[in-house]
């Protein structure tokens, strides 16, 4: 009887509670946590998912690497989990190329190692073998990446199965974890393959020593629009690196394509002698034809500072200069005395086939209490700088030859130049910017390139938390004198020697640089 009452009591507790509106009693709630209950099943599903993801990540890190031959090199290809995709081509000790090659949670690193001894001897004995070896590079990379993908997939699944077996000690759960790892890894690799951007190799970002940059990155003389061009660029890079490793003389720099004109744009030196060292290195390594300086070569424009411009003559290249708001008439006269210098002040000149027009800044503000933007964009200043742009626009329209490049110091002067020429170069702001001037119907597009400070803003560059970097840009013009590509070169501020080179291809020069419209000041 007692047993029956207990059983009936337990049954009553399992039923809905009439007071709480049907909520299960405490014993019933405890039974929900037993094996087979939804809470436990949810926890087990989450555990399987965590083990699968952890196993896949560990498997990729442990087995996502293969050694392969790329041209004459022994190379190591590595896949690693990452928040963003992309490829790094590491060429120790010369530097690295960073390429935005694909999307997805996987990053590919290609590390070029030592040359095979037999192949090295063949390269030294027969220089033509460098070309033959580099031509096989694309197929070598394709084969290596395929093996890397299969090996990574197998490693991710194997490590996950082992980890799941140790954690769960259950065949079914282990199998589920392995299947999830296979799905996640294959999905990541599939995403990388589906989002592959072969043309990205034409716009690499280089990190390393400046003297190695042109030889590693290659020449900006061809634009890739299909896989054939991609293959050519990859072959060129491998060929360049082969020469670097097998040549004991100076680092080689590829000759520009016939008719290519290379222009180096510098600005805002502000008496920093380090800037001259950087300019000389780039002029020599990149085969520069013309140097363009958009002003503020000095700080106070004083006569003692005039000796600073003497380094212009050492460049042995045409040096086109316009006055900045920190440069005085004495500064301009000192520049004009250099045998290779050309000073423009609302005038034009033709150098290396390029017709260049320029005007000096209408202000002279060597005041250290002002910001790097001079005296600020007040109404009076706006009238001055816009007026300078209007004067230069009139000069360009009256020029007997079409003008390829216009030079102003303050980008605020660029507004009136829209439609007068394809490219305007400026400085003054100590911050690099690429924009497109507002275009009126029927006008040709005009791109505006604002350079940072080639002198690291002088002493001002030390006022912030980090020194202002030294910056300059190499511009590449084709036979028709249209801009085809440009390299942004940035060197760490005072005391830093690391250089960053970023290649940009102008896909459609006739349409102007691919940049957003930036409004210019008006009256």
Protein backbone atom coordinates (compact mmCIF):
# COMPACT_ATOMS: atom_id res chain seq x y z
CA UNK A 1 0.00 0.00 0.00
CA UNK A 2 2.78 2.36 0.91
CA UNK A 3 4.52 1.52 -2.32
CA UNK A 4 1.39 2.27 -4.31
CA UNK A 5 0.98 5.63 -2.60
CA UNK A 6 4.61 6.52 -3.35
CA UNK A 7 4.16 5.56 -6.99
CA UNK A 8 0.98 7.57 -7.25
CA UNK A 9 2.69 10.50 -5.58
CA UNK A 10 5.54 10.35 -8.12
CA UNK A 11 3.09 10.22 -11.02
CA UNK A 12 1.32 13.26 -9.69
CA UNK A 13 4.58 15.17 -9.53
CA UNK A 14 5.29 14.34 -13.15
CA UNK A 15 2.01 15.88 -14.22
CA UNK A 16 1.43 19.58 -14.73
CA UNK A 17 1.28 21.69 -11.60
CA UNK A 18 -2.19 23.27 -11.43
CA UNK A 19 -0.88 26.18 -9.37
CA UNK A 20 1.87 27.27 -11.71
CA UNK A 21 -0.17 26.76 -14.82
CA UNK A 22 1.44 23.51 -16.01
CA UNK A 23 5.15 23.99 -15.16
CA UNK A 24 6.98 20.69 -14.48
CA UNK A 25 7.82 19.85 -10.89
CA UNK A 26 11.38 19.64 -9.60
CA UNK A 27 11.82 15.89 -10.19
CA UNK A 28 10.56 16.31 -13.74
CA UNK A 29 12.99 19.17 -14.35
CA UNK A 30 15.84 17.00 -13.09
CA UNK A 31 14.90 14.29 -15.56
CA UNK A 32 15.27 16.80 -18.43
CA UNK A 33 19.00 16.90 -17.72
CA UNK A 34 19.42 13.14 -18.05
CA UNK A 35 21.01 11.54 -21.17
CA UNK A 36 18.80 12.13 -24.17
CA UNK A 37 17.37 15.39 -22.84
CA UNK A 38 17.44 18.51 -25.13
CA UNK A 39 19.88 20.38 -22.89
CA UNK A 40 22.42 17.59 -23.03
CA UNK A 41 21.90 17.12 -26.76
CA UNK A 42 22.51 20.82 -27.38
CA UNK A 43 25.66 20.73 -25.25
CA UNK A 44 26.92 17.69 -27.12
CA UNK A 45 26.30 19.33 -30.49
CA UNK A 46 28.23 22.39 -29.38
CA UNK A 47 31.04 20.19 -28.07
CA UNK A 48 31.27 18.35 -31.41
CA UNK A 49 31.35 21.69 -33.26
CA UNK A 50 34.09 23.10 -31.01
CA UNK A 51 36.20 19.96 -31.35
CA UNK A 52 35.71 20.00 -35.14
CA UNK A 53 36.80 23.65 -35.45
CA UNK A 54 39.73 23.19 -33.08
CA UNK A 55 40.83 20.04 -34.87
CA UNK A 56 40.56 21.69 -38.28
CA UNK A 57 42.61 24.70 -37.13
CA UNK A 58 45.27 22.47 -35.54
CA UNK A 59 45.33 20.28 -38.62
CA UNK A 60 45.85 23.25 -40.92
CA UNK A 61 48.66 24.57 -38.72
CA UNK A 62 50.29 21.14 -38.43
CA UNK A 63 49.94 19.84 -41.97
CA UNK A 64 49.14 22.87 -44.14
CA UNK A 65 52.59 23.09 -45.67
CA UNK A 66 54.45 21.53 -48.59
CA UNK A 67 57.88 21.94 -50.10
CA UNK A 68 58.02 22.37 -53.85
CA UNK A 69 60.24 23.61 -56.64
CA UNK A 70 59.36 27.00 -58.12
CA UNK A 71 61.69 27.69 -61.01
CA UNK A 72 65.20 27.27 -59.59
CA UNK A 73 64.09 27.56 -55.97
CA UNK A 74 63.16 25.20 -53.19
CA UNK A 75 60.07 26.89 -51.81
CA UNK A 76 57.81 26.31 -48.82
CA UNK A 77 54.07 26.86 -49.27
CA UNK A 78 52.05 27.30 -46.08
CA UNK A 79 48.34 27.72 -45.41
CA UNK A 80 47.20 29.25 -42.14
CA UNK A 81 43.85 30.32 -40.66
CA UNK A 82 43.35 34.07 -40.96
CA UNK A 83 40.60 36.63 -40.61
CA UNK A 84 41.32 37.80 -44.16
CA UNK A 85 42.72 36.06 -47.21
CA UNK A 86 45.71 37.10 -49.30
CA UNK A 87 49.16 35.83 -50.20
CA UNK A 88 52.60 36.71 -48.88
CA UNK A 89 55.63 35.95 -51.05
CA UNK A 90 58.56 36.01 -48.66
CA UNK A 91 61.99 36.48 -50.27
CA UNK A 92 64.52 36.51 -47.41
CA UNK A 93 66.54 38.61 -46.85
CA UNK A 94 65.25 40.95 -49.53
CA UNK A 95 61.71 41.54 -48.31
CA UNK A 96 58.19 40.35 -49.00
CA UNK A 97 55.37 40.92 -51.47
CA UNK A 98 51.85 41.15 -50.04
CA UNK A 99 49.11 40.37 -52.58
CA UNK A 100 45.36 40.66 -52.13
CA UNK A 101 44.89 37.42 -54.08
CA UNK A 102 41.72 35.97 -52.55
CA UNK A 103 39.16 36.24 -49.77
CA UNK A 104 38.21 33.79 -47.07
CA UNK A 105 39.67 32.57 -43.78
CA UNK A 106 42.92 31.19 -45.24
CA UNK A 107 46.24 32.93 -45.91
CA UNK A 108 48.89 31.54 -48.26
CA UNK A 109 52.58 32.16 -47.58
CA UNK A 110 55.15 31.33 -50.25
CA UNK A 111 58.65 31.39 -48.81
CA UNK A 112 61.41 31.17 -51.37
CA UNK A 113 64.35 29.27 -49.90
CA UNK A 114 67.79 28.31 -51.13
CA UNK A 115 68.59 27.49 -54.72
CA UNK A 116 69.26 23.90 -55.65
CA UNK A 117 73.04 23.51 -56.07
CA UNK A 118 72.82 21.83 -59.46
CA UNK A 119 70.36 24.39 -60.75
CA UNK A 120 72.44 27.23 -59.36
CA UNK A 121 75.50 26.03 -61.29
CA UNK A 122 73.38 25.76 -64.42
CA UNK A 123 72.08 29.30 -63.92
CA UNK A 124 75.59 30.66 -63.56
CA UNK A 125 76.88 28.75 -66.57
CA UNK A 126 73.94 29.53 -68.83
CA UNK A 127 72.12 32.82 -68.18
CA UNK A 128 69.38 31.78 -70.63
CA UNK A 129 68.38 29.04 -68.20
CA UNK A 130 67.01 31.77 -65.88
CA UNK A 131 64.38 32.54 -68.49
CA UNK A 132 63.57 28.87 -69.04
CA UNK A 133 63.31 28.22 -65.30
CA UNK A 134 61.08 31.23 -64.69
CA UNK A 135 58.71 30.17 -67.49
CA UNK A 136 57.91 26.99 -65.56
CA UNK A 137 57.09 28.94 -62.39
CA UNK A 138 53.34 29.23 -62.99
CA UNK A 139 52.88 25.48 -63.46
CA UNK A 140 55.12 24.85 -60.44
CA UNK A 141 52.97 27.13 -58.27
CA UNK A 142 49.73 25.59 -59.53
CA UNK A 143 50.96 22.07 -58.81
CA UNK A 144 52.29 23.06 -55.39
CA UNK A 145 49.03 24.78 -54.38
CA UNK A 146 46.97 21.75 -55.42
CA UNK A 147 49.14 19.43 -53.32
CA UNK A 148 48.99 21.92 -50.47
CA UNK A 149 45.18 21.99 -50.58
CA UNK A 150 44.85 18.18 -50.53
CA UNK A 151 47.42 17.82 -47.77
CA UNK A 152 45.72 20.52 -45.69
CA UNK A 153 42.33 18.85 -46.12
CA UNK A 154 43.67 15.44 -45.08
CA UNK A 155 45.58 16.85 -42.12
CA UNK A 156 42.56 18.79 -40.83
CA UNK A 157 40.32 15.72 -40.93
CA UNK A 158 42.93 13.38 -39.42
CA UNK A 159 43.78 15.67 -36.51
CA UNK A 160 40.08 16.26 -35.84
CA UNK A 161 39.35 12.50 -35.76
CA UNK A 162 42.20 11.92 -33.31
CA UNK A 163 41.13 14.83 -31.10
CA UNK A 164 37.46 13.79 -31.16
CA UNK A 165 38.33 10.17 -30.32
CA UNK A 166 40.31 11.32 -27.30
CA UNK A 167 37.57 13.69 -26.13
CA UNK A 168 34.39 11.71 -26.78
CA UNK A 169 35.49 8.03 -26.95
CA UNK A 170 32.44 7.55 -29.14
CA UNK A 171 32.53 6.43 -32.78
CA UNK A 172 29.47 8.34 -33.92
CA UNK A 173 30.51 11.65 -32.36
CA UNK A 174 34.03 11.23 -33.68
CA UNK A 175 32.65 10.68 -37.17
CA UNK A 176 30.44 13.78 -36.88
CA UNK A 177 33.41 15.89 -35.81
CA UNK A 178 35.51 14.60 -38.72
CA UNK A 179 32.71 15.36 -41.18
CA UNK A 180 32.32 18.88 -39.86
CA UNK A 181 36.08 19.45 -40.10
CA UNK A 182 36.01 18.24 -43.71
CA UNK A 183 33.11 20.57 -44.49
CA UNK A 184 34.70 23.63 -42.84
CA UNK A 185 38.14 23.10 -44.38
CA UNK A 186 36.81 22.33 -47.86
CA UNK A 187 34.51 25.35 -47.63
CA UNK A 188 37.40 27.64 -46.69
CA UNK A 189 39.57 26.38 -49.54
CA UNK A 190 36.63 26.58 -51.92
CA UNK A 191 35.99 30.19 -50.91
CA UNK A 192 39.63 31.05 -51.64
CA UNK A 193 39.40 29.38 -55.07
CA UNK A 194 36.07 31.02 -55.90
CA UNK A 195 37.33 34.52 -54.98
CA UNK A 196 40.74 34.19 -56.65
CA UNK A 197 41.91 37.51 -58.13
CA UNK A 198 44.81 36.72 -60.51
CA UNK A 199 45.16 40.39 -61.50
CA UNK A 200 46.08 41.28 -57.89
CA UNK A 201 49.69 40.27 -58.55
CA UNK A 202 49.99 43.42 -60.70
CA UNK A 203 49.40 45.58 -57.59
CA UNK A 204 51.59 44.12 -54.85
CA UNK A 205 52.64 45.83 -51.64
CA UNK A 206 56.35 45.47 -50.94
CA UNK A 207 57.95 45.51 -47.49
CA UNK A 208 61.72 45.41 -47.15
CA UNK A 209 64.79 47.45 -48.02
CA UNK A 210 64.37 50.25 -50.54
CA UNK A 211 67.23 49.21 -52.83
CA UNK A 212 65.55 45.86 -53.45
CA UNK A 213 62.09 47.21 -54.23
CA UNK A 214 62.29 47.77 -58.01
CA UNK A 215 63.97 44.44 -58.63
CA UNK A 216 61.47 42.48 -56.53
CA UNK A 217 58.28 44.24 -57.61
CA UNK A 218 59.26 44.46 -61.28
CA UNK A 219 58.42 47.00 -63.94
CA UNK A 220 55.02 48.68 -64.22
CA UNK A 221 55.00 48.41 -67.99
CA UNK A 222 52.18 45.95 -68.57
CA UNK A 223 48.66 45.76 -67.22
CA UNK A 224 47.20 42.33 -66.48
CA UNK A 225 43.64 41.67 -67.57
CA UNK A 226 43.71 37.87 -67.90
CA UNK A 227 45.55 34.80 -66.72
CA UNK A 228 48.13 34.99 -69.50
CA UNK A 229 49.27 38.37 -68.27
CA UNK A 230 49.19 37.05 -64.71
CA UNK A 231 51.53 34.25 -65.75
CA UNK A 232 53.88 36.71 -67.41
CA UNK A 233 54.02 38.85 -64.27
CA UNK A 234 54.69 35.85 -62.05
CA UNK A 235 57.43 34.68 -64.41
CA UNK A 236 58.93 38.16 -64.34
CA UNK A 237 59.00 38.23 -60.53
CA UNK A 238 60.63 34.82 -60.30
CA UNK A 239 63.09 35.80 -63.01
CA UNK A 240 63.98 38.97 -61.12
CA UNK A 241 64.54 37.07 -57.88
CA UNK A 242 66.65 34.48 -59.71
CA UNK A 243 68.93 37.21 -60.95
CA UNK A 244 69.18 38.69 -57.45
CA UNK A 245 70.36 35.40 -56.01
CA UNK A 246 72.80 34.62 -58.81
CA UNK A 247 74.40 38.03 -59.33
CA UNK A 248 77.20 39.32 -57.14
CA UNK A 249 77.22 42.79 -58.64
CA UNK A 250 74.68 45.56 -58.07
CA UNK A 251 71.04 44.56 -57.79
CA UNK A 252 69.46 44.49 -61.25
CA UNK A 253 66.64 46.78 -62.27
CA UNK A 254 64.57 45.94 -65.33
CA UNK A 255 64.80 48.40 -68.19
CA UNK A 256 61.58 50.31 -68.79
CA UNK A 257 59.52 49.48 -71.84
CA UNK A 258 60.34 51.59 -74.90
CA UNK A 259 58.80 55.01 -74.53
CA UNK A 260 58.07 54.71 -70.80
CA UNK A 261 58.77 57.88 -68.82
CA UNK A 262 59.40 57.65 -65.08
CA UNK A 263 58.68 60.70 -62.94
CA UNK A 264 59.51 61.02 -59.25
CA UNK A 265 57.15 63.31 -57.33
CA UNK A 266 58.56 64.78 -54.09
CA UNK A 267 57.28 67.58 -51.89
CA UNK A 268 57.71 69.33 -48.55
CA UNK A 269 61.33 68.47 -47.81
CA UNK A 270 61.51 71.07 -45.02
CA UNK A 271 65.32 70.99 -44.75
CA UNK A 272 65.56 67.28 -43.93
CA UNK A 273 68.87 66.01 -45.42
CA UNK A 274 67.63 62.43 -45.14
CA UNK A 275 65.20 63.28 -47.91
CA UNK A 276 68.07 63.82 -50.36
CA UNK A 277 69.53 60.41 -49.58
CA UNK A 278 66.16 58.81 -50.24
CA UNK A 279 65.66 60.76 -53.49
CA UNK A 280 69.10 59.77 -54.80
CA UNK A 281 68.45 56.10 -54.03
CA UNK A 282 65.10 56.11 -55.85
CA UNK A 283 66.47 58.05 -58.82
CA UNK A 284 69.23 55.47 -59.26
CA UNK A 285 67.28 52.29 -58.50
CA UNK A 286 64.13 53.17 -60.45
CA UNK A 287 65.78 54.81 -63.46
CA UNK A 288 63.96 58.11 -62.95
CA UNK A 289 63.79 60.49 -65.95
CA UNK A 290 62.41 63.62 -64.24
CA UNK A 291 62.06 64.77 -60.62
CA UNK A 292 59.12 67.06 -59.78
CA UNK A 293 59.14 69.04 -56.52
CA UNK A 294 55.88 70.75 -55.50
CA UNK A 295 57.45 73.06 -52.94
CA UNK A 296 58.41 73.73 -49.32
CA UNK A 297 61.97 72.60 -49.85
CA UNK A 298 62.99 74.91 -46.98
CA UNK A 299 61.42 76.07 -43.71
CA UNK A 300 62.09 79.79 -43.42
CA UNK A 301 63.14 80.67 -46.96
CA UNK A 302 66.23 82.38 -45.54
CA UNK A 303 69.49 82.92 -47.40
CA UNK A 304 71.51 80.46 -45.25
CA UNK A 305 69.00 77.77 -46.17
CA UNK A 306 69.76 78.26 -49.87
CA UNK A 307 72.77 75.94 -49.56
CA UNK A 308 70.36 73.07 -48.85
CA UNK A 309 69.20 73.02 -52.48
CA UNK A 310 72.74 72.32 -53.73
CA UNK A 311 71.99 68.59 -53.68
CA UNK A 312 69.72 69.07 -56.68
CA UNK A 313 72.71 69.17 -59.01
CA UNK A 314 73.96 65.81 -57.71
CA UNK A 315 70.89 64.04 -59.07
CA UNK A 316 71.98 64.57 -62.69
CA UNK A 317 68.31 64.55 -63.75
CA UNK A 318 65.94 67.38 -64.74
CA UNK A 319 64.45 68.85 -61.55
CA UNK A 320 61.19 70.79 -62.00
CA UNK A 321 60.34 72.99 -59.00
CA UNK A 322 57.54 75.29 -57.85
CA UNK A 323 57.69 77.47 -54.74
CA UNK A 324 55.77 76.45 -51.60
CA UNK A 325 54.46 78.72 -48.89
CA UNK A 326 57.68 78.16 -46.88
CA UNK A 327 59.91 79.06 -49.84
CA UNK A 328 60.95 82.63 -50.54
CA UNK A 329 62.10 84.34 -53.72
CA UNK A 330 65.69 83.67 -52.57
CA UNK A 331 64.84 79.97 -52.34
CA UNK A 332 63.53 79.95 -55.92
CA UNK A 333 66.62 81.80 -57.14
CA UNK A 334 68.90 79.29 -55.42
CA UNK A 335 67.07 76.39 -57.06
CA UNK A 336 67.20 78.11 -60.46
CA UNK A 337 71.00 78.34 -60.16
CA UNK A 338 71.31 74.55 -60.21
CA UNK A 339 72.30 73.44 -63.72
CA UNK A 340 69.58 70.75 -63.97
CA UNK A 341 66.76 72.72 -62.30
CA UNK A 342 63.71 74.35 -63.88
CA UNK A 343 61.62 76.75 -61.77
CA UNK A 344 58.04 77.29 -62.90
CA UNK A 345 55.94 80.27 -61.87
CA UNK A 346 52.80 80.41 -63.96
CA UNK A 347 54.77 78.98 -66.85
CA UNK A 348 55.29 75.75 -68.79
CA UNK A 349 58.21 73.56 -69.81
CA UNK A 350 58.69 70.33 -71.76
CA UNK A 351 60.96 67.70 -70.23
CA UNK A 352 61.40 64.07 -71.38
CA UNK A 353 58.45 64.52 -73.70
CA UNK A 354 56.14 65.71 -70.89
CA UNK A 355 54.70 69.22 -71.00
CA UNK A 356 54.50 70.52 -67.43
CA UNK A 357 52.84 73.70 -66.16
CA UNK A 358 53.30 75.08 -62.66
CA UNK A 359 52.76 78.06 -60.39
CA UNK A 360 54.27 78.92 -57.01
CA UNK A 361 52.21 79.31 -53.86
CA UNK A 362 51.02 82.94 -53.53
CA UNK A 363 51.76 82.99 -49.76
CA UNK A 364 54.96 83.12 -47.75
CA UNK A 365 54.24 81.84 -44.24
CA UNK A 366 57.39 80.55 -42.52
CA UNK A 367 55.70 80.78 -39.15
CA UNK A 368 56.25 77.85 -36.78
CA UNK A 369 53.09 78.76 -34.84
CA UNK A 370 50.91 77.82 -37.80
CA UNK A 371 49.77 74.35 -38.75
CA UNK A 372 51.37 72.38 -41.61
CA UNK A 373 48.47 73.68 -43.72
CA UNK A 374 50.01 77.14 -43.70
CA UNK A 375 47.84 80.01 -42.48
CA UNK A 376 44.58 78.07 -42.59
CA UNK A 377 41.84 78.24 -45.22
CA UNK A 378 40.33 81.58 -44.35
CA UNK A 379 38.38 83.60 -46.91
CA UNK A 380 41.49 85.62 -47.73
CA UNK A 381 43.63 82.53 -48.14
CA UNK A 382 40.97 80.86 -50.27
CA UNK A 383 40.96 83.85 -52.59
CA UNK A 384 44.76 83.64 -52.88
CA UNK A 385 45.12 79.94 -53.53
CA UNK A 386 42.11 79.69 -55.84
CA UNK A 387 43.36 82.73 -57.71
CA UNK A 388 46.69 81.00 -58.30
CA UNK A 389 44.86 78.01 -59.74
CA UNK A 390 42.84 80.25 -62.02
CA UNK A 391 46.00 81.94 -63.30
CA UNK A 392 47.60 78.59 -64.08
CA UNK A 393 44.42 77.35 -65.78
CA UNK A 394 44.55 80.34 -68.12
CA UNK A 395 48.22 79.65 -68.88
CA UNK A 396 47.45 76.00 -69.66
CA UNK A 397 44.59 76.89 -72.00
CA UNK A 398 46.86 79.32 -73.86
CA UNK A 399 49.72 76.80 -74.10
CA UNK A 400 50.65 75.89 -77.69
CA UNK A 401 51.16 72.29 -76.56
CA UNK A 402 48.71 70.18 -74.54
CA UNK A 403 49.82 70.09 -70.92
CA UNK A 404 50.30 66.63 -69.38
CA UNK A 405 50.92 67.64 -65.74
CA UNK A 406 50.02 70.75 -63.73
CA UNK A 407 51.84 71.64 -60.50
CA UNK A 408 50.45 73.57 -57.53
CA UNK A 409 51.66 73.56 -53.94
CA UNK A 410 48.35 73.69 -52.09
CA UNK A 411 45.70 71.24 -53.36
CA UNK A 412 43.17 74.02 -52.71
CA UNK A 413 44.54 75.62 -55.88
CA UNK A 414 43.60 72.59 -57.97
CA UNK A 415 39.88 73.29 -58.38
CA UNK A 416 40.14 75.68 -61.38
CA UNK A 417 42.42 73.17 -63.15
CA UNK A 418 39.66 70.59 -63.63
CA UNK A 419 39.42 69.70 -67.30
CA UNK A 420 42.60 71.55 -68.33
CA UNK A 421 44.96 68.55 -68.11
CA UNK A 422 44.89 64.87 -67.09
CA UNK A 423 46.94 65.17 -63.88
CA UNK A 424 47.56 67.74 -61.13
CA UNK A 425 50.34 67.23 -58.56
CA UNK A 426 50.37 69.00 -55.19
CA UNK A 427 51.79 68.78 -51.66
CA UNK A 428 51.45 71.06 -48.63
CA UNK A 429 49.20 68.86 -46.43
CA UNK A 430 51.90 66.29 -45.50
CA UNK A 431 49.34 63.56 -46.21
CA UNK A 432 49.17 61.45 -49.34
CA UNK A 433 45.88 61.56 -51.23
CA UNK A 434 44.58 60.50 -54.63
CA UNK A 435 41.34 62.08 -55.83
CA UNK A 436 39.48 63.11 -58.95
CA UNK A 437 38.55 66.75 -59.49
CA UNK A 438 34.88 67.57 -60.10
CA UNK A 439 34.25 67.14 -63.82
CA UNK A 440 31.98 69.33 -65.91
CA UNK A 441 30.14 67.82 -68.89
CA UNK A 442 32.41 67.58 -71.91
CA UNK A 443 35.62 68.09 -69.90
CA UNK A 444 38.46 65.63 -69.78
CA UNK A 445 38.87 63.99 -66.36
CA UNK A 446 41.58 65.37 -64.10
CA UNK A 447 43.21 63.36 -61.32
CA UNK A 448 44.72 65.07 -58.27
CA UNK A 449 47.75 63.46 -56.58
CA UNK A 450 48.71 65.05 -53.26
CA UNK A 451 52.10 63.92 -51.97
CA UNK A 452 53.02 63.45 -48.32
CA UNK A 453 56.24 64.93 -46.95
CA UNK A 454 59.47 63.67 -48.49
CA UNK A 455 61.31 65.24 -45.55
CA UNK A 456 59.03 63.76 -42.91
CA UNK A 457 57.66 67.28 -42.24
CA UNK A 458 61.07 68.38 -40.94
CA UNK A 459 61.16 69.07 -37.21
CA UNK A 460 57.36 69.11 -37.13
CA UNK A 461 57.44 65.42 -37.92
CA UNK A 462 58.77 64.74 -34.43
CA UNK A 463 55.94 66.53 -32.63
CA UNK A 464 53.45 63.66 -32.80
CA UNK A 465 53.49 60.28 -31.08
CA UNK A 466 55.15 58.74 -34.15
CA UNK A 467 57.57 60.45 -36.56
CA UNK A 468 56.00 61.51 -39.85
CA UNK A 469 57.08 59.03 -42.55
CA UNK A 470 59.07 60.11 -45.60
CA UNK A 471 57.01 59.65 -48.75
CA UNK A 472 57.35 60.02 -52.50
CA UNK A 473 55.71 58.60 -55.60
CA UNK A 474 57.07 57.16 -58.84
CA UNK A 475 54.74 57.85 -61.79
CA UNK A 476 54.89 55.76 -64.97
CA UNK A 477 53.78 57.34 -68.28
CA UNK A 478 53.37 55.48 -71.58
CA UNK A 479 54.35 56.66 -75.04
CA UNK A 480 51.21 58.79 -75.26
CA UNK A 481 52.23 60.38 -71.92
CA UNK A 482 49.21 58.94 -70.13
CA UNK A 483 49.62 57.74 -66.56
CA UNK A 484 49.71 53.92 -66.50
CA UNK A 485 50.81 53.10 -62.95
CA UNK A 486 52.36 54.61 -59.85
CA UNK A 487 54.37 53.38 -56.86
CA UNK A 488 53.72 54.92 -53.44
CA UNK A 489 56.99 54.74 -51.49
CA UNK A 490 56.94 55.31 -47.74
CA UNK A 491 59.92 55.12 -45.40
CA UNK A 492 59.46 55.06 -41.62
CA UNK A 493 60.08 58.34 -39.81
CA UNK A 494 63.36 59.44 -38.23
CA UNK A 495 65.44 56.48 -37.09
CA UNK A 496 63.51 53.89 -39.12
CA UNK A 497 64.80 52.29 -42.32
CA UNK A 498 61.92 50.01 -43.30
CA UNK A 499 60.33 50.88 -46.63
CA UNK A 500 56.86 50.15 -47.94
CA UNK A 501 56.23 50.20 -51.68
CA UNK A 502 52.68 49.87 -52.96
CA UNK A 503 52.03 49.44 -56.68
CA UNK A 504 48.85 50.87 -58.23
CA UNK A 505 47.69 50.21 -61.78
CA UNK A 506 45.57 52.82 -63.55
CA UNK A 507 43.18 50.50 -65.38
CA UNK A 508 41.72 53.16 -67.67
CA UNK A 509 44.00 56.20 -67.94
CA UNK A 510 41.54 58.05 -70.17
CA UNK A 511 38.94 57.87 -67.41
CA UNK A 512 41.21 59.27 -64.73
CA UNK A 513 42.44 57.71 -61.51
CA UNK A 514 39.94 55.41 -59.77
CA UNK A 515 39.27 57.57 -56.73
CA UNK A 516 36.38 59.32 -55.05
CA UNK A 517 35.56 62.92 -55.82
CA UNK A 518 36.98 65.36 -53.30
CA UNK A 519 35.41 68.84 -53.25
CA UNK A 520 37.77 71.78 -53.55
CA UNK A 521 37.25 75.12 -51.80
CA UNK A 522 35.34 77.83 -53.55
CA UNK A 523 34.77 81.50 -52.94
